[in-house]
Amino acid sequence: MSTYVVPGRTARPGDAIQEARDAELAGFGAVYVSERLDLKEAGAVCGAVVGATTGIRVGTALIHQGTRHPLTIAAMAATLQSMSEGRFLLGMGRGLAALAPSLGVGKATLASLEHTASILRRLWAGERISEEGPAGSFRKLRFADVPEASPPPMYLGTIGPKGMALAGRVFDGVILHPFLTVEAVARSAAIVREAASEAGRDPQAIRIVSTLVTAPDLSEARTDLAVRARAVSYFQVRSLGEQLVERNGWDQSVLAGIRSHPTMAGAGIADTAMPRDRLVDAAEAMPEEWFAQGAAIGSSSHCAQRVAAYLGAGADEVLLHGASPAESAGVVRAFTRLP
C-alpha cells in the first residue's frame, strides 16, 4: 500500500513532511504528491519529503506534461532520484488539458506524453537530442552532468483505454484514477498488460497502481470531506465524469443531477472554485452504491478487505487517498492480519 500526502487543496504544504514520516512509521511503501500550481509545487514538496524520510519511495501523482519543459522535468526527476538514492518515481499525466489555453501552453496529448517519456530516458542516458515532435522542437538538448543513479521509473496517470495501452507500451507503470470499481481496475490492468505483451515487454513488469479513496474509522463529517466531496470534485468535471461512469458501467444520467445541484451553479471546475466543504451537499445526488463500489468507507478491517479486492483484480499497489497517513495506519495493520 501507498498513500498521498497533503491530498487536494492545501494552504499548508509543509504538512507533507510530518505526513510522510507518519506514512513511513505506519509501514506504507510509498508516498505520492499530487501537484497543484499554487501552494503545492511537486518538486519542492517531494524534495522536502525526501529529506524527511529514509526508506519510503516518493513519487508524483501527478505532474502534468506541458506545464514544464521536458528538460525541466528531466532535471527535477534526476535530482530527486539522486537525492533520495533511488527512491523517486515520476508520475505524469495530462489532467490540465482543459486549462491549456488559459495557461498559454500546448494541449497535452498521448503522443506528446510518449515523446516526452522518450526524451527523458535519452537525457538521463547522456544523449544529445535534436529533433522535432509532439512534445516540441529541440536543438542539442542534453544533460551536462549525467546522473549516477539509475533512472527513476515513469508512471502514466490515465483513465481511458488508449492511455492504458500507451502505459503498457512505453511507461513503467500506470496510476489509475480514483473511484474505479474492482471490475474496472481488472479491465484496465488487462489492457495495460496486453499492450505490454504486444510491444514485446514483460507484462508483469508494468506496475498497476490503483487509487482508492478511503475513510477508515472516520467521523461522518470527516468522511464527507475525504470521500463524498472528493467524488463530486471528479464527477462534476465534464469529460472526466463521463469517462469514470463509462469505465464503471454506471448511469450517465446521474452526472446531470450532480452538475445541476444548487451548490454547483457557476462553479466551473468546482475543486478550484470553492473549498471542499461546500461540495458535500452535491454528493446527495450520487447513488450510495457508487461509494460502496468505488471507494472504501467503514472500519479499518473493511477498508483492508477492499484493498485486497483491488490487488486480487490485478493491481500491484493500492494508493490510499482522502484520509491522512495517520488516519490510514489502521488499514495497514488490518491488512497484515488478513488470511
Protein backbone atom coordinates (compact mmCIF):
# COMPACT_ATOMS: atom_id res chain seq x y z
CA MET A 1 0.00 0.00 0.00
CA SER A 2 0.96 3.60 -0.58
CA THR A 3 -0.66 6.89 0.37
CA TYR A 4 -1.00 10.50 -0.68
CA VAL A 5 0.38 13.30 1.48
CA VAL A 6 -1.50 16.62 1.67
CA PRO A 7 -4.10 15.47 -0.87
CA GLY A 8 -6.21 18.10 -2.61
CA ARG A 9 -6.03 21.81 -1.91
CA THR A 10 -3.87 22.95 0.98
CA ALA A 11 -2.63 26.17 2.50
CA ARG A 12 -0.04 24.18 4.50
CA PRO A 13 2.22 22.26 2.08
CA GLY A 14 4.75 21.81 4.88
CA ASP A 15 2.36 19.32 6.49
CA ALA A 16 3.64 16.84 3.90
CA ILE A 17 6.82 16.44 5.94
CA GLN A 18 5.11 15.04 9.04
CA GLU A 19 2.59 13.09 6.96
CA ALA A 20 5.43 11.38 5.10
CA ARG A 21 7.06 10.48 8.42
CA ASP A 22 3.71 9.13 9.63
CA ALA A 23 3.42 7.05 6.45
CA GLU A 24 6.89 5.60 6.87
CA LEU A 25 6.19 4.75 10.51
CA ALA A 26 2.87 3.12 9.59
CA GLY A 27 4.55 0.82 7.07
CA PHE A 28 3.42 2.29 3.76
CA GLY A 29 5.70 1.51 0.85
CA ALA A 30 5.42 4.88 -0.90
CA VAL A 31 4.01 8.38 -0.60
CA TYR A 32 2.76 10.45 -3.51
CA VAL A 33 2.33 14.17 -4.06
CA SER A 34 -0.46 15.48 -6.29
CA GLU A 35 0.59 18.79 -7.78
CA ARG A 36 -1.41 22.00 -7.63
CA LEU A 37 0.02 25.03 -9.36
CA ASP A 38 -0.29 27.40 -6.43
CA LEU A 39 0.83 26.18 -2.97
CA LYS A 40 1.79 22.60 -3.84
CA GLU A 41 4.51 22.56 -6.49
CA ALA A 42 5.53 18.91 -6.66
CA GLY A 43 9.30 19.31 -6.94
CA ALA A 44 9.50 21.46 -3.82
CA VAL A 45 7.23 19.18 -1.78
CA CYS A 46 8.96 15.98 -2.94
CA GLY A 47 12.37 17.47 -2.07
CA ALA A 48 11.20 18.17 1.47
CA VAL A 49 9.67 14.69 1.79
CA VAL A 50 12.82 13.00 0.51
CA GLY A 51 14.85 14.85 3.15
CA ALA A 52 12.42 13.89 5.91
CA THR A 53 12.35 10.14 5.19
CA THR A 54 14.86 7.35 4.88
CA GLY A 55 13.37 4.32 3.13
CA ILE A 56 9.93 5.04 1.72
CA ARG A 57 9.52 5.68 -2.01
CA VAL A 58 8.47 9.20 -3.01
CA GLY A 59 6.56 9.97 -6.18
CA THR A 60 4.49 12.48 -8.09
CA ALA A 61 0.88 11.61 -8.87
CA LEU A 62 0.73 13.60 -10.96
CA ILE A 63 2.64 16.37 -12.69
CA HIS A 64 1.15 17.48 -15.97
CA GLN A 65 3.10 17.40 -19.21
CA GLY A 66 3.05 20.80 -20.85
CA THR A 67 3.44 22.88 -17.69
CA ARG A 68 7.19 22.22 -17.72
CA HIS A 69 9.80 21.96 -20.45
CA PRO A 70 10.98 18.35 -20.88
CA LEU A 71 14.47 19.37 -19.74
CA THR A 72 12.97 20.78 -16.54
CA ILE A 73 11.03 17.57 -15.90
CA ALA A 74 14.17 15.53 -16.54
CA ALA A 75 16.22 17.71 -14.19
CA MET A 76 13.63 17.63 -11.41
CA ALA A 77 13.29 13.84 -11.58
CA ALA A 78 17.02 13.17 -11.83
CA THR A 79 17.73 15.49 -8.90
CA LEU A 80 15.11 13.85 -6.70
CA GLN A 81 16.29 10.39 -7.72
CA SER A 82 19.86 11.31 -6.79
CA MET A 83 18.87 13.00 -3.51
CA SER A 84 16.74 10.03 -2.47
CA GLU A 85 19.33 7.41 -3.51
CA GLY A 86 16.92 5.74 -5.90
CA ARG A 87 13.59 6.20 -4.08
CA PHE A 88 11.88 8.58 -6.52
CA LEU A 89 9.28 7.76 -9.17
CA LEU A 90 7.85 10.15 -11.73
CA GLY A 91 4.10 10.09 -12.34
CA MET A 92 2.91 12.18 -15.29
CA GLY A 93 -0.44 12.86 -16.90
CA ARG A 94 -2.41 15.33 -18.96
CA GLY A 95 -5.14 16.28 -16.49
CA LEU A 96 -4.70 20.01 -17.11
CA ALA A 97 -5.52 19.72 -20.79
CA ALA A 98 -8.72 21.75 -20.40
CA LEU A 99 -6.74 24.59 -18.85
CA ALA A 100 -4.02 24.63 -21.53
CA PRO A 101 -5.39 27.68 -23.42
CA SER A 102 -5.56 29.80 -20.28
CA LEU A 103 -2.03 28.71 -19.31
CA GLY A 104 -0.64 29.60 -22.71
CA VAL A 105 0.75 26.11 -23.30
CA GLY A 106 0.00 23.45 -25.88
CA LYS A 107 -2.63 20.85 -25.07
CA ALA A 108 -1.04 17.65 -23.81
CA THR A 109 -1.79 14.56 -25.87
CA LEU A 110 -0.90 10.91 -25.59
CA ALA A 111 1.58 11.44 -28.42
CA SER A 112 3.27 14.31 -26.58
CA LEU A 113 3.45 12.20 -23.41
CA GLU A 114 5.08 9.37 -25.34
CA HIS A 115 7.55 11.77 -26.91
CA THR A 116 8.33 13.32 -23.52
CA ALA A 117 9.00 9.90 -21.99
CA SER A 118 11.45 9.15 -24.80
CA ILE A 119 13.23 12.47 -24.31
CA LEU A 120 13.57 11.95 -20.56
CA ARG A 121 15.08 8.49 -20.91
CA ARG A 122 17.58 9.67 -23.50
CA LEU A 123 18.61 12.74 -21.49
CA TRP A 124 19.24 10.57 -18.42
CA ALA A 125 21.33 8.25 -20.61
CA GLY A 126 23.53 11.15 -21.73
CA GLU A 127 22.23 11.55 -25.28
CA ARG A 128 22.16 14.87 -27.13
CA ILE A 129 18.73 15.43 -28.68
CA SER A 130 17.99 17.43 -31.82
CA GLU A 131 14.54 16.70 -33.20
CA GLU A 132 11.00 17.93 -33.64
CA GLY A 133 7.96 16.05 -32.37
CA PRO A 134 4.69 16.26 -30.43
CA ALA A 135 6.45 17.49 -27.27
CA GLY A 136 8.30 20.31 -29.05
CA SER A 137 11.28 21.23 -31.17
CA PHE A 138 14.72 20.72 -29.63
CA ARG A 139 18.27 21.53 -30.67
CA LYS A 140 21.20 19.88 -28.90
CA LEU A 141 19.19 19.26 -25.76
CA ARG A 142 21.37 17.48 -23.20
CA PHE A 143 22.45 16.98 -19.60
CA ALA A 144 25.90 18.39 -18.88
CA ASP A 145 26.13 16.07 -15.86
CA VAL A 146 24.62 12.62 -16.34
CA PRO A 147 23.08 11.23 -13.11
CA GLU A 148 24.89 8.32 -11.49
CA ALA A 149 21.68 6.89 -10.04
CA SER A 150 19.54 4.57 -12.13
CA PRO A 151 16.75 6.41 -13.98
CA PRO A 152 13.54 6.85 -11.98
CA PRO A 153 10.57 4.75 -13.12
CA MET A 154 7.94 6.68 -15.06
CA TYR A 155 4.24 6.05 -14.47
CA LEU A 156 1.38 7.37 -16.55
CA GLY A 157 -1.78 8.59 -14.86
CA THR A 158 -4.70 7.84 -17.15
CA ILE A 159 -8.26 6.57 -17.33
CA GLY A 160 -9.10 5.70 -20.95
CA PRO A 161 -8.17 2.54 -22.86
CA LYS A 162 -5.81 4.40 -25.22
CA GLY A 163 -3.91 5.78 -22.26
CA MET A 164 -3.79 2.32 -20.67
CA ALA A 165 -2.34 0.91 -23.86
CA LEU A 166 0.29 3.66 -24.01
CA ALA A 167 1.30 2.89 -20.42
CA GLY A 168 1.75 -0.75 -21.34
CA ARG A 169 3.84 0.06 -24.41
CA VAL A 170 6.05 2.83 -23.06
CA PHE A 171 5.85 3.52 -19.33
CA ASP A 172 7.00 1.56 -16.28
CA GLY A 173 3.62 1.71 -14.60
CA VAL A 174 0.15 3.22 -14.61
CA ILE A 175 -1.66 5.19 -11.90
CA LEU A 176 -5.40 4.58 -12.19
CA HIS A 177 -7.95 7.25 -11.38
CA PRO A 178 -9.86 7.23 -8.08
CA PHE A 179 -13.40 5.85 -7.92
CA LEU A 180 -12.91 2.96 -10.33
CA THR A 181 -14.64 -0.24 -9.28
CA VAL A 182 -12.79 -3.50 -8.74
CA GLU A 183 -14.13 -4.73 -12.09
CA ALA A 184 -12.99 -1.57 -13.89
CA VAL A 185 -9.50 -1.97 -12.43
CA ALA A 186 -9.39 -5.58 -13.63
CA ARG A 187 -10.33 -4.46 -17.15
CA SER A 188 -7.76 -1.66 -17.04
CA ALA A 189 -4.99 -3.98 -15.87
CA ALA A 190 -5.81 -6.38 -18.71
CA ILE A 191 -5.49 -3.58 -21.29
CA VAL A 192 -2.14 -2.46 -19.89
CA ARG A 193 -0.66 -5.94 -19.77
CA GLU A 194 -1.95 -6.92 -23.21
CA ALA A 195 -0.40 -3.78 -24.73
CA ALA A 196 2.90 -4.52 -22.99
CA SER A 197 2.90 -8.06 -24.31
CA GLU A 198 2.16 -6.90 -27.86
CA ALA A 199 5.07 -4.44 -27.60
CA GLY A 200 7.44 -7.24 -26.62
CA ARG A 201 7.66 -6.16 -22.99
CA ASP A 202 7.17 -8.26 -19.87
CA PRO A 203 3.53 -7.55 -18.95
CA GLN A 204 4.12 -8.38 -15.29
CA ALA A 205 6.90 -5.78 -15.10
CA ILE A 206 4.44 -2.91 -15.66
CA ARG A 207 3.22 -1.78 -12.24
CA ILE A 208 -0.52 -1.22 -11.84
CA VAL A 209 -1.29 1.36 -9.13
CA SER A 210 -4.97 1.51 -8.18
CA THR A 211 -6.05 4.67 -6.34
CA LEU A 212 -8.62 4.02 -3.62
CA VAL A 213 -10.36 6.87 -1.78
CA THR A 214 -10.65 5.67 1.80
CA ALA A 215 -12.34 6.72 5.04
CA PRO A 216 -11.27 4.21 7.73
CA ASP A 217 -12.94 4.68 11.11
CA LEU A 218 -13.60 8.35 10.38
CA SER A 219 -16.43 10.51 11.64
CA GLU A 220 -19.31 11.26 9.30
CA ALA A 221 -18.10 14.83 8.82
CA ARG A 222 -14.57 13.71 8.05
CA THR A 223 -15.87 11.01 5.68
CA ASP A 224 -17.91 13.62 3.84
CA LEU A 225 -14.78 15.68 3.19
CA ALA A 226 -12.44 12.80 2.46
CA VAL A 227 -14.74 10.82 0.15
CA ARG A 228 -18.03 12.42 -0.81
CA ALA A 229 -16.81 15.95 -1.56
CA ARG A 230 -13.81 14.50 -3.38
CA ALA A 231 -16.12 12.39 -5.54
CA VAL A 232 -18.10 15.49 -6.51
CA SER A 233 -14.87 17.27 -7.49
CA TYR A 234 -14.19 14.50 -10.03
CA PHE A 235 -17.62 13.63 -11.36
CA GLN A 236 -18.55 17.29 -11.76
CA VAL A 237 -15.79 17.82 -14.33
CA ARG A 238 -17.08 17.38 -17.87
CA SER A 239 -15.48 14.57 -19.85
CA LEU A 240 -13.76 13.17 -16.73
CA GLY A 241 -17.12 12.37 -15.11
CA GLU A 242 -18.32 10.71 -18.30
CA GLN A 243 -15.17 8.61 -18.55
CA LEU A 244 -15.40 7.43 -14.95
CA VAL A 245 -19.05 6.46 -15.32
CA GLU A 246 -18.36 4.68 -18.61
CA ARG A 247 -15.44 2.71 -17.19
CA ASN A 248 -17.60 1.61 -14.25
CA GLY A 249 -20.75 0.87 -16.24
CA TRP A 250 -22.80 3.32 -14.19
CA ASP A 251 -25.77 5.53 -15.12
CA GLN A 252 -24.64 8.58 -17.10
CA SER A 253 -27.81 10.49 -16.23
CA VAL A 254 -26.64 10.90 -12.62
CA LEU A 255 -23.99 13.37 -13.77
CA ALA A 256 -26.63 15.92 -14.73
CA GLY A 257 -28.00 15.83 -11.20
CA ILE A 258 -24.56 16.48 -9.72
CA ARG A 259 -23.80 19.36 -12.08
CA SER A 260 -27.21 20.99 -11.69
CA HIS A 261 -27.11 20.91 -7.89
CA PRO A 262 -27.52 24.43 -6.47
CA THR A 263 -24.03 24.45 -4.96
CA MET A 264 -22.53 23.78 -8.39
CA ALA A 265 -24.13 26.76 -10.15
CA GLY A 266 -21.45 28.75 -11.95
CA ALA A 267 -18.70 26.76 -10.23
CA GLY A 268 -16.60 25.97 -13.30
CA ILE A 269 -14.14 23.39 -12.02
CA ALA A 270 -15.58 23.11 -8.53
CA ASP A 271 -12.42 21.88 -6.82
CA THR A 272 -10.62 25.13 -7.66
CA ALA A 273 -13.64 27.42 -7.35
CA MET A 274 -14.74 26.58 -3.81
CA PRO A 275 -13.50 24.91 -0.61
CA ARG A 276 -14.12 21.18 -0.23
CA ASP A 277 -16.73 21.52 2.50
CA ARG A 278 -19.02 23.34 0.07
CA LEU A 279 -19.01 20.30 -2.24
CA VAL A 280 -20.50 17.94 0.34
CA ASP A 281 -24.14 18.83 -0.30
CA ALA A 282 -23.89 17.98 -4.01
CA ALA A 283 -22.88 14.42 -3.08
CA GLU A 284 -26.52 13.76 -2.22
CA ALA A 285 -27.11 13.49 -5.99
CA MET A 286 -24.81 10.45 -6.15
CA PRO A 287 -26.14 6.92 -5.54
CA GLU A 288 -24.80 5.38 -2.34
CA GLU A 289 -23.67 2.31 -4.28
CA TRP A 290 -21.16 4.45 -6.14
CA PHE A 291 -19.32 4.99 -2.85
CA ALA A 292 -19.67 1.34 -1.86
CA GLN A 293 -18.32 0.14 -5.22
CA GLY A 294 -15.73 2.82 -5.96
CA ALA A 295 -14.34 3.76 -2.54
CA ALA A 296 -13.72 2.26 0.92
CA ILE A 297 -15.80 3.58 3.82
CA GLY A 298 -16.07 1.85 7.18
CA SER A 299 -13.80 0.09 9.62
CA SER A 300 -10.08 -0.31 9.00
CA SER A 301 -10.73 -4.04 8.57
CA HIS A 302 -13.34 -3.38 5.88
CA CYS A 303 -11.01 -0.96 4.09
CA ALA A 304 -8.21 -3.54 4.21
CA GLN A 305 -10.54 -6.08 2.59
CA ARG A 306 -11.27 -3.54 -0.15
CA VAL A 307 -7.52 -3.14 -0.70
CA ALA A 308 -7.20 -6.91 -1.02
CA ALA A 309 -10.04 -6.96 -3.58
CA TYR A 310 -8.23 -4.47 -5.81
CA LEU A 311 -4.99 -6.39 -5.51
CA GLY A 312 -6.88 -9.53 -6.45
CA ALA A 313 -8.23 -7.74 -9.53
CA GLY A 314 -4.74 -7.19 -10.92
CA ALA A 315 -3.35 -4.15 -9.11
CA ASP A 316 0.22 -4.36 -7.83
CA GLU A 317 -0.18 -1.44 -5.47
CA VAL A 318 -3.14 0.33 -3.88
CA LEU A 319 -2.69 4.06 -3.35
CA LEU A 320 -4.87 5.31 -0.49
CA HIS A 321 -6.40 8.73 -0.98
CA GLY A 322 -8.57 11.03 1.13
CA ALA A 323 -7.60 10.04 4.67
CA SER A 324 -4.24 11.14 6.05
CA PRO A 325 -1.42 8.62 6.56
CA ALA A 326 -2.02 8.70 10.32
CA GLU A 327 -5.74 8.10 9.82
CA SER A 328 -4.96 5.20 7.44
CA ALA A 329 -2.38 3.47 9.64
CA GLY A 330 -5.05 1.09 10.94
CA VAL A 331 -5.69 -0.13 7.39
CA VAL A 332 -2.05 -1.22 7.11
CA ARG A 333 -2.29 -3.10 10.41
CA ALA A 334 -5.60 -4.69 9.43
CA PHE A 335 -4.20 -5.73 6.05
CA THR A 336 -1.33 -7.63 7.69
CA ARG A 337 -3.91 -9.65 9.64
CA LEU A 338 -5.92 -10.75 6.59
CA PRO A 339 -5.77 -14.51 5.88
